Protein backbone atom coordinates (compact mmCIF):
# COMPACT_ATOMS: atom_id res chain seq x y z
CA MET A 1 -70.42 35.89 -26.62
CA GLU A 2 -70.30 33.90 -29.88
CA GLY A 3 -73.49 32.30 -31.13
CA THR A 4 -76.47 32.43 -33.45
CA GLY A 5 -78.74 35.42 -33.66
CA GLY A 6 -81.07 33.54 -31.35
CA ASP A 7 -78.31 32.96 -28.79
CA LEU A 8 -77.31 36.62 -28.81
CA ALA A 9 -80.87 37.94 -28.60
CA LEU A 10 -81.81 35.78 -25.64
CA ALA A 11 -78.58 36.45 -23.75
CA THR A 12 -79.21 40.17 -24.11
CA LEU A 13 -82.75 39.81 -22.83
CA ARG A 14 -81.60 37.73 -19.86
CA GLY A 15 -79.31 40.60 -18.90
CA HIS A 16 -82.39 42.79 -18.66
CA GLY A 17 -84.21 40.35 -16.35
CA VAL A 18 -86.17 38.21 -18.81
CA ARG A 19 -86.59 34.78 -17.23
CA GLU A 20 -89.14 32.98 -19.45
CA MET A 21 -90.35 32.72 -23.04
CA PHE A 22 -93.95 32.48 -24.26
CA THR A 23 -94.48 31.24 -27.80
CA LEU A 24 -96.33 29.13 -30.36
CA SER A 25 -93.97 26.89 -32.30
CA GLY A 26 -92.70 28.08 -35.68
CA GLY A 27 -89.72 27.16 -37.84
CA HIS A 28 -88.67 30.78 -38.40
CA VAL A 29 -87.72 31.11 -34.73
CA PHE A 30 -86.04 27.74 -34.01
CA PRO A 31 -82.71 29.38 -33.02
CA LEU A 32 -84.50 31.28 -30.23
CA TYR A 33 -85.84 27.98 -28.88
CA ASP A 34 -82.38 26.42 -29.15
CA ALA A 35 -81.00 29.38 -27.20
CA ALA A 36 -83.64 28.91 -24.49
CA VAL A 37 -82.68 25.26 -24.08
CA LYS A 38 -78.97 26.08 -23.86
CA GLN A 39 -79.46 29.08 -21.54
CA ASP A 40 -81.97 27.29 -19.28
CA VAL A 41 -84.86 29.66 -19.99
CA PRO A 42 -88.21 27.87 -19.63
CA ILE A 43 -90.44 27.87 -22.70
CA TYR A 44 -94.23 28.04 -22.27
CA ASP A 45 -96.05 27.28 -25.50
CA VAL A 46 -99.67 28.00 -26.34
CA ARG A 47 -102.39 27.27 -28.91
CA HIS A 48 -102.87 30.84 -30.18
CA GLU A 49 -100.25 33.57 -30.50
CA GLN A 50 -102.34 36.18 -28.73
CA THR A 51 -102.19 33.99 -25.63
CA ALA A 52 -98.38 34.06 -25.73
CA VAL A 53 -98.35 37.86 -25.84
CA PHE A 54 -101.02 38.16 -23.15
CA ALA A 55 -99.00 35.81 -20.93
CA ALA A 56 -95.90 37.93 -21.46
CA GLU A 57 -97.92 41.04 -20.69
CA ALA A 58 -99.15 39.58 -17.41
CA VAL A 59 -95.54 38.90 -16.40
CA ALA A 60 -94.50 42.44 -17.37
CA ARG A 61 -97.37 44.02 -15.45
CA LEU A 62 -97.01 41.92 -12.30
CA THR A 63 -93.20 41.98 -12.06
CA ARG A 64 -92.54 45.47 -13.52
CA ARG A 65 -89.78 44.04 -15.73
CA PRO A 66 -89.43 43.21 -19.42
CA SER A 67 -91.03 40.00 -20.65
CA LEU A 68 -90.71 38.02 -23.86
CA ALA A 69 -93.10 36.67 -26.48
CA VAL A 70 -91.66 34.90 -29.54
CA LEU A 71 -93.87 34.72 -32.65
CA THR A 72 -93.25 33.02 -35.94
CA ALA A 73 -93.46 34.99 -39.18
CA GLY A 74 -96.59 36.18 -40.97
CA PRO A 75 -99.78 34.92 -39.30
CA GLY A 76 -97.86 34.28 -36.09
CA VAL A 77 -97.23 38.01 -35.87
CA THR A 78 -100.66 39.17 -37.05
CA ASN A 79 -102.39 36.79 -34.63
CA GLY A 80 -100.63 38.59 -31.78
CA ILE A 81 -101.51 42.16 -32.76
CA SER A 82 -104.57 42.62 -30.50
CA ALA A 83 -102.49 41.50 -27.53
CA VAL A 84 -99.62 43.82 -28.48
CA THR A 85 -102.12 46.67 -28.75
CA THR A 86 -103.47 45.83 -25.29
CA ALA A 87 -99.91 46.05 -23.95
CA LYS A 88 -99.56 49.45 -25.62
CA PHE A 89 -102.69 50.77 -23.90
CA ASN A 90 -101.54 49.31 -20.56
CA GLY A 91 -97.96 50.58 -20.74
CA SER A 92 -96.57 47.03 -20.47
CA PRO A 93 -92.89 46.48 -21.39
CA VAL A 94 -93.39 43.40 -23.56
CA VAL A 95 -90.61 42.49 -26.00
CA VAL A 96 -91.94 40.70 -29.07
CA LEU A 97 -89.32 38.91 -31.17
CA ALA A 98 -90.57 37.49 -34.44
CA GLY A 99 -89.33 35.46 -37.34
CA ARG A 100 -89.20 36.92 -40.84
CA ALA A 101 -88.77 35.47 -44.31
CA ALA A 102 -85.24 35.57 -45.69
CA MET A 103 -84.01 38.94 -46.95
CA TRP A 104 -81.97 37.42 -49.80
CA ARG A 105 -85.14 35.98 -51.37
CA TRP A 106 -87.48 38.83 -50.43
CA GLY A 107 -90.17 39.48 -53.00
CA SER A 108 -90.10 35.95 -54.42
CA GLY A 109 -93.04 34.67 -52.42
CA SER A 110 -91.44 32.83 -49.50
CA LEU A 111 -93.67 31.16 -46.95
CA GLN A 112 -95.27 33.76 -44.65
CA GLU A 113 -93.40 36.62 -46.33
CA LEU A 114 -94.79 39.84 -44.84
CA ASP A 115 -93.30 43.18 -43.84
CA HIS A 116 -94.48 43.23 -40.24
CA VAL A 117 -92.90 46.51 -39.17
CA PRO A 118 -95.39 48.98 -40.72
CA ILE A 119 -98.22 47.00 -39.13
CA LEU A 120 -96.65 46.91 -35.66
CA ALA A 121 -95.23 50.44 -35.61
CA PRO A 122 -98.51 52.18 -34.62
CA VAL A 123 -99.06 49.89 -31.62
CA THR A 124 -95.51 49.71 -30.23
CA LYS A 125 -92.92 52.13 -28.91
CA HIS A 126 -90.38 50.76 -31.37
CA ALA A 127 -90.64 48.39 -34.33
CA ALA A 128 -87.77 47.38 -36.62
CA THR A 129 -86.10 44.60 -38.57
CA VAL A 130 -82.67 43.37 -37.46
CA THR A 131 -80.66 43.21 -40.68
CA ASP A 132 -77.30 41.85 -39.44
CA THR A 133 -76.48 39.13 -36.92
CA ALA A 134 -73.66 41.32 -35.59
CA ALA A 135 -76.32 43.97 -34.76
CA VAL A 136 -78.64 41.63 -32.83
CA VAL A 137 -77.28 42.54 -29.40
CA SER A 138 -77.36 46.30 -29.89
CA ASP A 139 -80.79 46.22 -31.54
CA VAL A 140 -82.33 44.04 -28.82
CA ASP A 141 -80.68 46.06 -26.07
CA GLY A 142 -81.98 49.30 -27.55
CA ALA A 143 -85.48 47.89 -27.91
CA VAL A 144 -85.62 46.75 -24.27
CA ARG A 145 -84.43 50.15 -23.08
CA ALA A 146 -87.17 51.78 -25.14
CA ALA A 147 -89.76 49.41 -23.62
CA MET A 148 -88.68 50.31 -20.08
CA LYS A 149 -88.44 54.06 -20.58
CA HIS A 150 -91.45 55.96 -19.29
CA HIS A 151 -94.12 55.76 -20.48
CA ARG A 152 -93.44 52.04 -20.83
CA GLY A 153 -94.83 49.90 -23.62
CA PRO A 154 -94.27 47.01 -26.03
CA VAL A 155 -91.52 46.83 -28.63
CA PHE A 156 -91.16 44.65 -31.72
CA LEU A 157 -88.19 43.25 -33.62
CA ASP A 158 -88.28 40.71 -36.42
CA LEU A 159 -85.25 38.66 -37.39
CA PRO A 160 -84.94 37.37 -40.97
CA LEU A 161 -83.96 33.74 -41.36
CA GLU A 162 -80.35 34.45 -42.27
CA VAL A 163 -79.98 36.83 -39.31
CA VAL A 164 -81.38 34.53 -36.63
CA PHE A 165 -79.65 31.34 -37.93
CA SER A 166 -76.24 32.90 -38.68
CA ARG A 167 -73.48 33.31 -36.11
CA ALA A 168 -71.59 36.32 -34.81
CA GLU A 169 -69.60 37.45 -31.80
CA SER A 170 -70.79 40.36 -29.64
CA GLU A 171 -70.32 41.73 -26.15
CA ILE A 172 -73.47 41.46 -24.01
CA PRO A 173 -74.06 44.84 -22.32
CA GLU A 174 -75.06 45.39 -18.72
CA ALA A 175 -78.70 46.36 -18.33
CA GLY A 176 -78.49 49.49 -16.17
CA ALA A 177 -81.46 51.26 -14.61
CA ALA A 178 -83.94 53.28 -16.65
CA GLY A 179 -83.56 57.03 -16.31
CA VAL A 180 -85.77 58.94 -13.86
CA HIS A 181 -87.49 62.19 -14.75
CA GLU A 182 -88.02 64.40 -11.71
CA PRO A 183 -91.37 66.21 -11.78
CA ASP A 184 -91.27 70.00 -11.91
CA PRO A 185 -91.21 70.99 -8.20
CA ASP A 186 -93.25 74.14 -8.85
CA GLU A 187 -95.96 72.21 -10.67
CA ALA A 188 -95.97 69.56 -7.94
CA ALA A 189 -96.24 72.29 -5.28
CA LYS A 190 -99.20 73.78 -7.15
CA ALA A 191 -100.91 70.39 -7.22
CA ALA A 192 -100.26 69.84 -3.51
CA ALA A 193 -101.62 73.26 -2.60
CA LEU A 194 -104.79 72.71 -4.63
CA LEU A 195 -105.44 69.41 -2.87
CA ALA A 196 -104.51 70.58 0.62
CA ARG A 197 -106.59 73.77 0.46
CA ALA A 198 -109.61 72.17 -1.20
CA GLU A 199 -112.71 71.64 0.90
CA ARG A 200 -113.66 68.41 -0.84
CA PRO A 201 -110.64 66.82 -2.59
CA VAL A 202 -110.52 63.34 -4.13
CA ILE A 203 -107.61 61.25 -5.45
CA ILE A 204 -108.10 58.55 -8.09
CA ALA A 205 -105.04 56.33 -8.64
CA GLY A 206 -104.52 53.88 -11.48
CA SER A 207 -102.29 51.19 -12.93
CA ASP A 208 -99.18 53.29 -13.45
CA VAL A 209 -98.89 53.77 -9.69
CA TYR A 210 -98.35 50.02 -9.48
CA ALA A 211 -95.97 50.04 -12.47
CA ALA A 212 -93.90 52.72 -10.72
CA ASP A 213 -93.86 50.74 -7.44
CA ALA A 214 -95.26 53.90 -5.87
CA PHE A 215 -97.87 52.54 -3.46
CA ALA A 216 -95.88 53.46 -0.35
CA ALA A 217 -95.54 57.02 -1.64
CA LEU A 218 -99.25 57.10 -2.52
CA ARG A 219 -100.19 56.03 0.99
CA GLU A 220 -97.84 58.63 2.46
CA CYS A 221 -99.47 61.27 0.27
CA VAL A 222 -103.12 60.52 1.06
CA GLU A 223 -102.38 60.18 4.78
CA ALA A 224 -100.33 63.39 4.94
CA LEU A 225 -102.97 65.42 3.08
CA ARG A 226 -105.94 63.40 4.43
CA ILE A 227 -107.67 62.86 1.10
CA PRO A 228 -110.14 60.09 0.17
CA LEU A 229 -108.61 57.59 -2.28
CA TYR A 230 -110.35 55.73 -5.10
CA THR A 231 -108.55 53.38 -7.50
CA ASN A 232 -108.95 51.67 -10.84
CA GLY A 233 -107.02 49.02 -12.77
CA MET A 234 -103.87 47.89 -11.01
CA GLY A 235 -104.20 50.78 -8.61
CA ARG A 236 -106.61 48.53 -6.75
CA GLY A 237 -105.16 47.29 -3.46
CA ALA A 238 -103.25 50.54 -2.87
CA LEU A 239 -104.75 50.75 0.61
CA PRO A 240 -106.28 47.95 2.68
CA PRO A 241 -110.09 48.08 2.33
CA ALA A 242 -110.43 48.88 6.05
CA HIS A 243 -108.20 51.98 5.85
CA GLU A 244 -110.11 55.15 6.79
CA LEU A 245 -109.15 56.83 3.49
CA ALA A 246 -109.87 53.83 1.22
CA PHE A 247 -113.10 54.14 -0.74
CA ALA A 248 -114.54 52.05 -3.57
CA ARG A 249 -118.33 52.26 -3.92
CA SER A 250 -119.02 55.98 -3.52
CA ARG A 251 -116.94 57.38 -6.40
CA ARG A 252 -119.87 58.90 -8.24
CA THR A 253 -120.94 60.72 -5.09
CA ALA A 254 -117.37 61.86 -4.48
CA ILE A 255 -116.85 63.22 -7.98
CA LYS A 256 -120.21 64.95 -7.97
CA GLY A 257 -119.37 66.75 -4.73
CA ALA A 258 -115.62 67.30 -5.14
CA ASP A 259 -114.02 70.70 -5.72
CA VAL A 260 -110.60 69.21 -6.70
CA VAL A 261 -110.08 65.80 -8.33
CA ALA A 262 -106.52 64.47 -8.71
CA VAL A 263 -106.09 61.61 -11.16
CA ILE A 264 -102.73 59.87 -10.76
CA GLY A 265 -101.22 57.25 -13.03
CA THR A 266 -104.19 56.68 -15.30
CA PRO A 267 -105.58 58.51 -18.35
CA LEU A 268 -108.58 60.81 -18.37
CA ASP A 269 -110.45 58.41 -20.63
CA PHE A 270 -113.99 56.99 -20.89
CA ARG A 271 -113.60 55.19 -17.56
CA LEU A 272 -113.36 58.55 -15.79
CA GLY A 273 -115.86 60.50 -17.86
CA PHE A 274 -113.04 61.86 -20.01
CA GLY A 275 -111.93 64.05 -17.11
CA ASP A 276 -115.16 66.06 -17.00
CA PHE A 277 -115.72 66.43 -13.27
CA GLY A 278 -118.22 69.25 -13.37
CA ASP A 279 -117.05 72.35 -11.52
CA ALA A 280 -114.14 70.57 -9.85
CA GLN A 281 -110.59 71.56 -10.73
CA VAL A 282 -108.53 68.74 -12.21
CA VAL A 283 -105.02 67.71 -11.22
CA HIS A 284 -103.48 65.14 -13.56
CA ILE A 285 -100.21 63.44 -12.57
CA VAL A 286 -98.61 61.03 -15.04
CA ASP A 287 -95.21 59.43 -15.57
CA ALA A 288 -94.37 60.96 -18.96
CA ASP A 289 -95.17 63.98 -21.06
CA THR A 290 -96.78 61.72 -23.67
CA GLN A 291 -99.46 60.74 -21.12
CA ARG A 292 -100.68 64.26 -20.42
CA ALA A 293 -104.28 64.86 -21.42
CA THR A 294 -104.79 67.09 -24.45
CA HIS A 295 -108.60 67.27 -24.25
CA VAL A 296 -108.67 68.70 -20.71
CA LYS A 297 -106.83 71.70 -19.29
CA PRO A 298 -105.79 70.66 -15.77
CA ALA A 299 -105.21 73.19 -13.02
CA ALA A 300 -101.91 71.40 -12.34
CA ALA A 301 -100.19 68.61 -14.27
CA PRO A 302 -96.75 67.56 -13.03
CA TYR A 303 -95.26 64.59 -14.86
CA GLY A 304 -92.36 62.29 -14.15
CA ASP A 305 -91.44 59.57 -11.69
CA LEU A 306 -94.63 58.93 -9.72
CA ARG A 307 -92.83 58.04 -6.49
CA LEU A 308 -91.08 61.40 -6.56
CA ALA A 309 -94.28 63.23 -7.50
CA LEU A 310 -96.25 61.65 -4.65
CA THR A 311 -93.44 62.29 -2.18
CA GLN A 312 -93.42 65.92 -3.26
CA LEU A 313 -97.16 66.13 -2.57
CA ALA A 314 -96.78 64.45 0.80
CA SER A 315 -94.16 66.97 1.90
CA TYR A 316 -96.50 69.94 1.47
CA ALA A 317 -96.30 72.14 4.58
CA GLY A 318 -98.52 75.09 3.65
CA VAL A 319 -102.08 76.12 4.47
CA ARG A 320 -104.61 73.32 4.39
CA ALA A 321 -108.32 72.85 4.95
CA ASP A 322 -109.92 70.40 7.38
CA HIS A 323 -111.17 67.44 5.32
CA ASP A 324 -112.72 65.46 8.16
CA VAL A 325 -116.33 66.48 7.46
CA TRP A 326 -115.88 65.59 3.77
CA ILE A 327 -114.32 62.23 4.64
CA ALA A 328 -117.15 61.45 7.06
CA SER A 329 -119.81 62.28 4.46
CA LEU A 330 -118.19 59.96 1.93
CA ARG A 331 -117.89 57.25 4.54
CA THR A 332 -121.65 57.49 5.11
CA ALA A 333 -122.26 57.07 1.37
CA GLU A 334 -119.69 54.25 1.23
CA ASP A 335 -121.31 52.38 4.11
CA ALA A 336 -124.74 52.68 2.55
CA ALA A 337 -123.43 51.36 -0.77
CA ALA A 338 -121.60 48.55 1.02
CA HIS A 339 -124.81 47.56 2.82
CA LYS A 340 -126.70 47.45 -0.47
CA ALA A 341 -123.88 45.45 -2.08
CA GLY A 342 -123.99 43.00 0.82
CA GLU A 343 -127.66 42.37 0.21
CA GLU A 344 -127.03 41.88 -3.52
CA MET A 345 -124.16 39.48 -2.89
CA SER A 346 -126.30 37.31 -0.62
CA ALA A 347 -129.39 37.21 -2.86
CA ASP A 348 -130.78 33.67 -3.17
CA THR A 349 -132.35 33.96 -6.62
CA ASP A 350 -133.09 31.48 -9.35
CA PRO A 351 -131.46 31.89 -11.80
CA ILE A 352 -128.30 33.07 -10.04
CA ARG A 353 -127.40 36.74 -10.25
CA PRO A 354 -123.74 37.66 -10.82
CA ALA A 355 -123.61 39.53 -7.53
CA ARG A 356 -124.13 36.27 -5.61
CA VAL A 357 -121.19 34.70 -7.43
CA TYR A 358 -118.94 37.46 -6.11
CA GLY A 359 -120.39 37.18 -2.64
CA GLU A 360 -119.22 33.57 -2.56
CA LEU A 361 -115.89 34.38 -4.20
CA ARG A 362 -115.10 36.95 -1.52
CA LYS A 363 -115.24 34.09 1.00
CA ALA A 364 -113.11 31.75 -1.12
CA LEU A 365 -110.29 34.07 -2.22
CA ASP A 366 -107.08 34.37 -0.19
CA PRO A 367 -105.93 37.91 0.67
CA ASP A 368 -103.10 37.63 -1.89
CA ALA A 369 -105.14 35.91 -4.61
CA ILE A 370 -104.68 37.27 -8.12
CA THR A 371 -108.01 37.85 -9.83
CA ILE A 372 -108.14 38.22 -13.60
CA GLY A 373 -111.06 39.76 -15.45
CA ASP A 374 -111.90 38.69 -19.01
CA GLY A 375 -115.39 39.69 -20.00
CA GLY A 376 -118.02 42.42 -20.20
CA ASP A 377 -120.89 42.65 -17.74
CA PHE A 378 -119.71 39.72 -15.60
CA VAL A 379 -116.31 41.34 -15.08
CA SER A 380 -117.89 44.75 -14.47
CA TYR A 381 -119.58 43.16 -11.47
CA ALA A 382 -116.18 41.89 -10.34
CA GLY A 383 -114.89 45.46 -10.28
CA LYS A 384 -117.92 46.47 -8.24
CA TYR A 385 -117.90 43.71 -5.63
CA LEU A 386 -114.32 42.48 -5.24
CA GLU A 387 -111.93 44.58 -3.15
CA PRO A 388 -108.28 43.55 -3.58
CA SER A 389 -106.46 44.08 -0.31
CA ARG A 390 -102.91 44.03 -1.68
CA PRO A 391 -101.06 45.52 -4.64
CA GLY A 392 -100.52 43.33 -7.68
CA SER A 393 -103.63 41.23 -7.19
CA TRP A 394 -105.87 42.48 -10.02
CA LEU A 395 -105.49 42.14 -13.80
CA ASP A 396 -108.02 43.28 -16.36
CA PRO A 397 -107.66 44.10 -20.08
CA GLY A 398 -107.43 47.83 -19.36
CA PRO A 399 -108.81 50.65 -21.52
CA TYR A 400 -108.45 48.80 -24.83
CA GLY A 401 -111.12 46.38 -23.63
CA CYS A 402 -109.85 43.36 -25.55
CA LEU A 403 -111.51 40.03 -24.81
CA GLY A 404 -109.44 36.86 -24.78
CA THR A 405 -106.86 37.91 -22.17
CA GLY A 406 -107.94 35.29 -19.64
CA MET A 407 -105.85 32.21 -20.33
CA GLY A 408 -102.73 34.21 -21.23
CA TYR A 409 -102.96 36.38 -18.14
CA ALA A 410 -103.58 33.24 -16.07
CA MET A 411 -100.51 31.54 -17.54
CA GLY A 412 -98.25 34.53 -16.91
CA ALA A 413 -99.60 35.05 -13.41
CA ARG A 414 -99.14 31.38 -12.48
CA VAL A 415 -95.58 31.25 -13.88
CA VAL A 416 -94.37 34.14 -11.69
CA ASN A 417 -96.60 33.34 -8.68
CA PRO A 418 -96.52 29.56 -8.22
CA GLY A 419 -97.90 29.63 -4.69
CA ARG A 420 -100.85 32.04 -4.96
CA GLN A 421 -104.45 31.48 -5.94
CA ILE A 422 -105.08 32.50 -9.56
CA CYS A 423 -108.74 33.06 -10.38
CA VAL A 424 -109.96 33.99 -13.87
CA LEU A 425 -113.37 35.63 -14.08
CA LEU A 426 -114.79 34.76 -17.52
CA GLY A 427 -117.84 35.92 -19.34
CA ASP A 428 -119.18 33.12 -21.53
CA GLY A 429 -118.54 35.31 -24.57
CA ALA A 430 -114.93 35.87 -23.57
CA ALA A 431 -114.49 32.13 -22.98
CA GLY A 432 -114.85 31.59 -26.71
CA PHE A 433 -111.69 33.59 -27.41
CA SER A 434 -109.14 31.64 -25.40
CA LEU A 435 -110.59 28.59 -23.68
CA MET A 436 -108.64 26.24 -25.97
CA ASP A 437 -105.50 27.36 -24.16
CA VAL A 438 -106.69 25.49 -21.09
CA GLU A 439 -104.89 22.65 -22.86
CA SER A 440 -101.66 24.66 -22.61
CA LEU A 441 -102.22 25.21 -18.88
CA ALA A 442 -103.07 21.56 -18.22
CA ARG A 443 -100.21 20.15 -20.29
CA GLN A 444 -97.65 22.39 -18.57
CA LYS A 445 -99.12 21.78 -15.10
CA LEU A 446 -100.22 25.36 -14.46
CA PRO A 447 -103.37 25.07 -12.33
CA VAL A 448 -105.80 28.00 -12.19
CA VAL A 449 -109.43 28.44 -11.28
CA MET A 450 -111.90 29.80 -13.82
CA VAL A 451 -115.33 31.08 -12.86
CA CYS A 452 -117.54 31.51 -15.91
CA GLY A 453 -120.62 33.70 -15.66
CA ASN A 454 -122.71 31.84 -18.23
CA ASN A 455 -125.84 33.78 -19.15
CA GLY A 456 -125.98 32.66 -22.79
CA VAL A 457 -125.85 36.21 -24.21
CA TRP A 458 -123.49 39.03 -25.07
CA GLY A 459 -124.86 41.05 -22.15
CA LEU A 460 -122.80 44.15 -22.80
CA GLU A 461 -124.44 44.46 -26.23
CA LYS A 462 -127.82 42.73 -25.90
CA HIS A 463 -129.35 44.97 -23.24
CA PRO A 464 -128.27 48.35 -24.68
CA MET A 465 -129.28 47.31 -28.21
CA LYS A 466 -132.71 46.25 -27.03
CA ALA A 467 -133.11 49.55 -25.19
CA MET A 468 -132.10 51.50 -28.32
CA TYR A 469 -134.00 49.59 -31.00
CA GLY A 470 -136.60 47.51 -29.20
CA TYR A 471 -134.92 44.34 -30.44
CA ASP A 472 -131.46 42.78 -30.51
CA VAL A 473 -129.51 40.71 -33.01
CA ALA A 474 -126.16 38.89 -32.98
CA ALA A 475 -126.28 38.90 -29.18
CA ASP A 476 -127.26 35.34 -28.24
CA LEU A 477 -125.09 32.33 -27.39
CA GLN A 478 -126.08 28.76 -26.60
CA PRO A 479 -127.87 28.78 -23.23
CA GLY A 480 -126.42 26.47 -20.61
CA LEU A 481 -123.38 25.52 -22.67
CA ARG A 482 -121.12 23.10 -20.77
CA TYR A 483 -117.85 25.03 -20.74
CA ASP A 484 -116.79 22.83 -17.82
CA GLU A 485 -116.93 19.78 -20.08
CA VAL A 486 -114.76 21.60 -22.63
CA VAL A 487 -112.19 22.17 -19.89
CA GLY A 488 -112.42 18.53 -18.86
CA ALA A 489 -111.79 17.39 -22.42
CA LEU A 490 -108.68 19.61 -22.56
CA GLY A 491 -107.11 18.06 -19.47
CA GLY A 492 -108.66 20.10 -16.68
CA ALA A 493 -111.86 19.61 -14.72
CA GLY A 494 -114.99 21.49 -13.74
CA GLU A 495 -118.67 21.50 -12.95
CA THR A 496 -121.86 23.41 -13.69
CA VAL A 497 -123.68 25.26 -10.90
CA GLU A 498 -127.37 26.17 -11.21
CA LYS A 499 -128.26 26.91 -7.58
CA ALA A 500 -126.78 29.69 -5.45
CA ALA A 501 -126.38 27.38 -2.46
CA ASP A 502 -124.02 25.18 -4.48
CA LEU A 503 -121.56 27.98 -5.30
CA GLY A 504 -119.46 27.82 -2.13
CA PRO A 505 -118.75 24.07 -2.25
CA ALA A 506 -118.01 24.25 -5.97
CA LEU A 507 -115.46 27.02 -5.46
CA LYS A 508 -113.77 25.02 -2.70
CA ARG A 509 -113.46 22.03 -5.00
CA ALA A 510 -112.03 24.29 -7.69
CA PHE A 511 -109.29 25.77 -5.50
CA ASP A 512 -108.44 22.34 -4.09
CA ALA A 513 -108.26 20.62 -7.49
CA GLY A 514 -104.64 21.27 -8.48
CA VAL A 515 -105.60 21.38 -12.19
CA PRO A 516 -107.24 24.01 -14.40
CA TYR A 517 -110.82 23.92 -13.08
CA LEU A 518 -113.85 25.78 -14.43
CA VAL A 519 -116.94 26.54 -12.36
CA ASN A 520 -119.65 27.10 -14.98
CA VAL A 521 -122.27 29.26 -13.25
CA LEU A 522 -125.60 29.60 -15.05
CA THR A 523 -126.52 33.23 -14.41
CA ASP A 524 -129.62 35.28 -15.12
CA PRO A 525 -129.60 36.54 -18.74
CA ALA A 526 -132.00 39.34 -17.77
CA ASP A 527 -129.55 40.80 -15.26
CA ALA A 528 -127.88 43.86 -16.84
CA TYR A 529 -124.97 45.74 -15.30
CA PRO A 530 -126.05 49.34 -14.53
CA ARG A 531 -123.23 51.07 -16.40
CA SER A 532 -122.72 54.80 -16.74
CA ALA A 533 -119.60 54.97 -18.97
CA ASN A 534 -120.03 56.10 -22.57
CA LEU A 535 -118.24 54.86 -25.68
CA ALA A 536 -117.64 58.49 -26.68
C-alpha cells in the first residue's frame, strides 16, 4: 500500500480487526482522520480525551479485540492517561495513536511539544515514537501484537508531524492469531486434585475468564468438580443466576468456611482481601506469568491459556470428596441473603435508598442489557443487587477505581451493541467527570440510559471520614442538583425522581426514549454502603 503515515497505520490496524476510531479533534492527527474517511472507518469524537480512551477500552473488553483511540499531541495525550492506566489494570488491548511535534524542529518550542513516551511507558505494555514513515506498518503491527499477547494491555505510539503526513509504500501484514501458552499439566493436575479432594472448595472467577472466552470451559469445570462459583468484574454472568452452583451473596460465608479457594482470572488484590483466606489453601490460575501473585504463596498456580487450564481441571479423574453438604449449606446462606436483599430492594422509604433503585432496575433491564458502573457507594450497591445472567453484560472501572468511565464505556458499548439496552449507573460525584460527553452521545445518535444516584455527597469518603474524625470536609456536593436538566441542555432528556413509587415509570420512559436519558434519583445521603474492603 502507498499512502501517508496515517493511511498505513489505519490499514494495519484494520487488518487486526479494528473497526472504529475514538478521538477528540487535533491538527497533529489529521492524516489519521483522512485515512478513516478513505477507508470507511467510522469516527466517534468526544469532548474530553479520556472519554475517547474509555470508549476504546469498552470496545476492547466487550469484543476481545484491539480497539483504537487517537489523541492529539501534548495535552491530548496527558488528558487520556487515567483512561490508559485503567486499561492497563483491566488488561484491555487498547491501541493509542498520538500526534507529536515535528522531530526536525524538536527543542525549539513547537506547539504541544512533549516527549510522551516516558510518561506512557509505565502504564502501557509498549510505548514508542515512530521515527520513519516507512516504519509505520511494522511499528503499528508490532504494537498491536504486544497488546494482544497475554497478559493483554494498552500500547502507545506517537507519530511526529513529518512521519504521519509524509508518504511511503509498505506491505500490510496479515494479523495472525496470538500465541497460546499451555499451562503446566502437572501444576494444573495439582490444582484439580486440591479442589476435588477438598471438603469445602470455592472458585472465584474474574474478568480475564471473559477476555479468554473461557466461560464454557469454566462451566464445564465447576460442573465436573461440583464446586460453588462466585464471580467479580466481567466474570459476572458466567453461570445463569438460577444454576445450582452459581452464588453471589454468600461469598464472605464461603471464604470463611472454605478449605480451598481457587481464584481464576483475577488478581489477589484488595477486592479479595489480598488473597488472605484464613486457613484455606489458595489456588491461583492466571493467563500469564506476569499476573502471578508475589505476596501470596499459592498451593498451586498454573498459568497460561485459561480455556486450556479450566479444561485440564474439568478432566480430573482422581479421588474426590462429596461437596453436596457444602453446596447445600452455602445455598441456605445464599437464600437468606437473597431474602434480605429482596426486602431492601422493595423498601418504600423517603428519601429513597439505593437498594430500591436496583429493585426497580432488575424489573426494567433485559436479560442481555449491558450495565455500566461509574461511581463509589451507588455502584457498590449495583454489584450487590444486580445479577447479570449472560457474559459480557457488566462493565466497571476495575481495580484502578477511576471515576469518569461512564460516558466513554457507554459510547463504546453502544457502538458495538446497537440493539441492546445500555444502562449507566452513575454516582453524582462521578457524573461530574464525564457528563459533558452526553453531548457526544446525543450528537452522534447513540442513545443510552443513565441512572444517577444523587445523594449530594461523596459517600465513599464522607461516611468513613466522619467515623474516623467525628467530622468530614470536602465531601459535600449540591443537594438535589438537576443533572437531568444538564442532560436535556446537551441534547438528551431526563427527569428527577423523589418518590420510590415513581421509579418504575421513570425507568420505562428512559428506555423508551431513544435518546440519552438520565433518571436523576434523589437518594438518602445518610445511607452508607457496608463495605469490608481495605485500601491497604
